């Protein structure tokens, strides 16, 4: 009786009809993976709705791109002017730094100190011109305020003369050793 299909629970025709949610013969009519005609119609509706939503998003994206292109075209002229003025300011600052290094080259031990301690933006003239007199005056004021930064001009070497190396004789060398002894004892 164990092999009898009638004795296995859930396989009898009575059980199929009594239990809710069990499959009936009409639901299994199509191939595997295909639902009923109602399910197919619902799938088509869902697919159409998704396609319409995607087309609407694409249309909105194209409109936004066109709006941004128009906006960029309208502001393009002012952006170029701002970019040009920024480049001019940067170039002028580079010229002022070069002028400072040149002015500080003979006056300071390290010309980079002038770049670190002076305001580069204040030395640039209006319209991008560099006032060489103002740069020289700023370096002079820096040397006056901080004299330890000044370069040593014309001073003696730090070690001085320690008596090493060949020297010129002040008196001619004696001709004989006896003259040398006389000179040593006469002094």
Protein backbone atom coordinates (compact mmCIF):
# COMPACT_ATOMS: atom_id res chain seq x y z
CA UNK A 1 0.00 0.00 0.00
CA UNK A 2 2.95 2.34 0.41
CA UNK A 3 3.41 2.40 -3.36
CA UNK A 4 -0.23 3.14 -3.97
CA UNK A 5 -0.71 6.76 -5.19
CA UNK A 6 -3.99 6.93 -3.35
CA UNK A 7 -2.34 6.38 0.04
CA UNK A 8 0.21 9.22 -0.31
CA UNK A 9 -1.23 12.38 1.29
CA UNK A 10 -1.91 15.30 -1.08
CA UNK A 11 -2.08 13.17 -4.25
CA UNK A 12 -5.67 12.17 -4.22
CA UNK A 13 -8.17 14.10 -6.31
CA UNK A 14 -10.17 14.94 -3.19
CA UNK A 15 -7.20 16.65 -1.58
CA UNK A 16 -6.55 18.86 -4.63
CA UNK A 17 -10.02 20.28 -4.53
CA UNK A 18 -10.26 20.71 -0.78
CA UNK A 19 -7.01 22.53 -0.10
CA UNK A 20 -6.86 26.21 -0.98
CA UNK A 21 -3.87 27.35 -3.06
CA UNK A 22 -3.30 24.03 -4.76
CA UNK A 23 -2.89 23.89 -8.50
CA UNK A 24 -5.74 22.97 -10.74
CA UNK A 25 -5.54 21.66 -14.26
CA UNK A 26 -6.32 25.02 -15.92
CA UNK A 27 -3.24 26.73 -14.46
CA UNK A 28 -0.81 24.22 -15.97
CA UNK A 29 -1.99 24.49 -19.54
CA UNK A 30 0.95 26.50 -20.98
CA UNK A 31 4.66 25.80 -21.11
CA UNK A 32 6.87 26.19 -18.07
CA UNK A 33 7.64 29.86 -17.33
CA UNK A 34 4.50 31.16 -19.06
CA UNK A 35 1.61 32.33 -16.99
CA UNK A 36 -2.00 32.56 -17.91
CA UNK A 37 -3.31 35.02 -20.44
CA UNK A 38 -4.20 37.43 -17.63
CA UNK A 39 -0.63 37.34 -16.35
CA UNK A 40 0.74 38.00 -19.84
CA UNK A 41 -1.55 40.97 -20.32
CA UNK A 42 -0.47 42.35 -16.97
CA UNK A 43 3.21 41.88 -17.90
CA UNK A 44 2.64 43.76 -21.16
CA UNK A 45 0.98 46.62 -19.27
CA UNK A 46 3.87 46.77 -16.79
CA UNK A 47 6.39 46.74 -19.61
CA UNK A 48 4.56 49.54 -21.44
CA UNK A 49 4.42 51.64 -18.28
CA UNK A 50 8.15 51.12 -17.68
CA UNK A 51 8.94 52.02 -21.31
CA UNK A 52 6.81 55.18 -21.11
CA UNK A 53 8.53 56.19 -17.85
CA UNK A 54 11.98 55.62 -19.41
CA UNK A 55 11.03 57.64 -22.51
CA UNK A 56 9.76 60.45 -20.27
CA UNK A 57 13.03 60.47 -18.27
CA UNK A 58 15.06 60.51 -21.51
CA UNK A 59 13.00 63.42 -22.83
CA UNK A 60 13.48 65.34 -19.57
CA UNK A 61 17.22 64.66 -19.67
CA UNK A 62 17.44 65.98 -23.25
CA UNK A 63 15.54 69.11 -22.27
CA UNK A 64 17.84 69.65 -19.28
CA UNK A 65 20.93 69.20 -21.47
CA UNK A 66 19.59 71.76 -23.96
CA UNK A 67 18.88 74.19 -21.11
CA UNK A 68 22.41 73.75 -19.74
CA UNK A 69 23.91 74.30 -23.20
CA UNK A 70 22.00 77.57 -23.54
CA UNK A 71 23.03 78.60 -20.03
CA UNK A 72 26.69 77.83 -20.71
CA UNK A 73 26.59 79.73 -23.98
CA UNK A 74 25.11 82.77 -22.21
CA UNK A 75 27.77 82.85 -19.44
CA UNK A 76 30.74 81.85 -21.57
CA UNK A 77 31.84 85.44 -22.25
CA UNK A 78 32.01 86.43 -18.58
CA UNK A 79 33.88 83.27 -17.69
CA UNK A 80 36.59 84.09 -20.23
CA UNK A 81 36.99 87.60 -18.81
CA UNK A 82 37.28 86.24 -15.28
CA UNK A 83 39.80 83.67 -16.46
CA UNK A 84 41.86 86.33 -18.23
CA UNK A 85 41.94 88.58 -15.16
CA UNK A 86 42.98 85.66 -12.96
CA UNK A 87 45.82 84.79 -15.34
CA UNK A 88 46.94 88.44 -15.42
CA UNK A 89 47.03 88.59 -11.62
CA UNK A 90 49.04 85.38 -11.41
CA UNK A 91 51.47 86.57 -14.09
CA UNK A 92 51.89 89.95 -12.38
CA UNK A 93 52.61 88.21 -9.07
CA UNK A 94 55.32 86.13 -10.79
CA UNK A 95 56.87 89.29 -12.26
CA UNK A 96 56.88 91.02 -8.86
CA UNK A 97 58.57 87.99 -7.27
CA UNK A 98 61.23 88.03 -10.01
CA UNK A 99 61.78 91.77 -9.51
CA UNK A 100 62.10 91.24 -5.74
CA UNK A 101 64.69 88.51 -6.20
CA UNK A 102 66.66 90.73 -8.57
CA UNK A 103 66.53 93.72 -6.20
CA UNK A 104 67.49 91.61 -3.18
CA UNK A 105 70.28 89.67 -4.93
CA UNK A 106 73.11 91.95 -3.83
CA UNK A 107 71.46 93.35 -0.73
CA UNK A 108 70.40 90.24 1.20
CA UNK A 109 72.26 87.05 2.03
CA UNK A 110 69.32 85.00 0.75
CA UNK A 111 67.00 86.71 -1.77
CA UNK A 112 64.25 84.24 -0.87
CA UNK A 113 63.93 86.08 2.46
CA UNK A 114 62.51 89.06 0.59
CA UNK A 115 59.81 86.83 -0.92
CA UNK A 116 58.93 85.40 2.48
CA UNK A 117 58.88 88.68 4.40
CA UNK A 118 57.43 91.19 1.93
CA UNK A 119 53.87 91.46 0.63
CA UNK A 120 54.07 90.66 -3.08
CA UNK A 121 50.50 91.78 -3.81
CA UNK A 122 51.14 95.26 -2.37
CA UNK A 123 54.10 95.81 -4.71
CA UNK A 124 52.11 95.20 -7.90
CA UNK A 125 50.91 98.40 -9.49
CA UNK A 126 47.51 98.97 -10.99
CA UNK A 127 46.95 97.41 -14.39
CA UNK A 128 49.64 94.78 -13.83
CA UNK A 129 52.60 97.20 -13.91
CA UNK A 130 55.44 96.74 -11.46
CA UNK A 131 56.76 99.75 -9.60
CA UNK A 132 60.54 99.16 -9.48
CA UNK A 133 61.03 102.08 -7.09
CA UNK A 134 58.53 100.59 -4.64
CA UNK A 135 60.28 97.21 -4.85
CA UNK A 136 63.69 98.82 -4.16
CA UNK A 137 62.23 100.85 -1.29
CA UNK A 138 60.69 97.70 0.21
CA UNK A 139 64.04 95.88 0.07
CA UNK A 140 65.78 98.94 1.63
CA UNK A 141 63.21 99.00 4.44
CA UNK A 142 63.67 95.26 5.00
CA UNK A 143 67.45 95.70 5.31
CA UNK A 144 66.90 98.62 7.70
CA UNK A 145 64.39 96.70 9.85
CA UNK A 146 66.31 93.41 9.86
CA UNK A 147 70.02 94.17 9.39
CA UNK A 148 71.01 90.57 10.13
CA UNK A 149 69.55 89.64 6.71
CA UNK A 150 71.88 92.02 4.87
CA UNK A 151 74.73 90.64 2.81
CA UNK A 152 78.26 91.39 4.02
CA UNK A 153 79.71 93.90 1.58
CA UNK A 154 83.48 94.48 1.54
CA UNK A 155 84.15 93.16 5.04
CA UNK A 156 87.17 91.04 5.93
CA UNK A 157 86.88 87.27 5.66
CA UNK A 158 85.44 85.64 8.73
CA UNK A 159 88.73 83.85 9.63
CA UNK A 160 91.18 86.63 8.94
CA UNK A 161 94.88 86.04 8.30
CA UNK A 162 96.16 83.08 10.29
CA UNK A 163 99.73 83.19 8.88
CA UNK A 164 99.56 80.12 6.71
CA UNK A 165 100.83 79.90 3.15
CA UNK A 166 103.76 81.49 1.30
CA UNK A 167 104.72 85.04 2.21
CA UNK A 168 106.76 87.81 0.65
CA UNK A 169 109.85 88.69 2.58
CA UNK A 170 110.10 92.24 3.89
CA UNK A 171 113.92 92.15 3.89
CA UNK A 172 116.06 90.28 1.44
CA UNK A 173 117.37 86.93 2.58
CA UNK A 174 120.95 87.11 4.00
CA UNK A 175 123.63 85.91 1.59
CA UNK A 176 125.57 83.78 4.12
CA UNK A 177 124.70 81.94 7.29
CA UNK A 178 126.99 84.26 9.24
CA UNK A 179 124.93 87.26 8.09
CA UNK A 180 121.84 85.42 9.28
CA UNK A 181 123.29 85.00 12.79
CA UNK A 182 124.33 88.63 12.95
CA UNK A 183 120.84 89.74 12.04
CA UNK A 184 119.27 87.46 14.69
CA UNK A 185 121.54 88.77 17.50
CA UNK A 186 121.40 92.41 16.47
CA UNK A 187 117.74 92.63 16.84
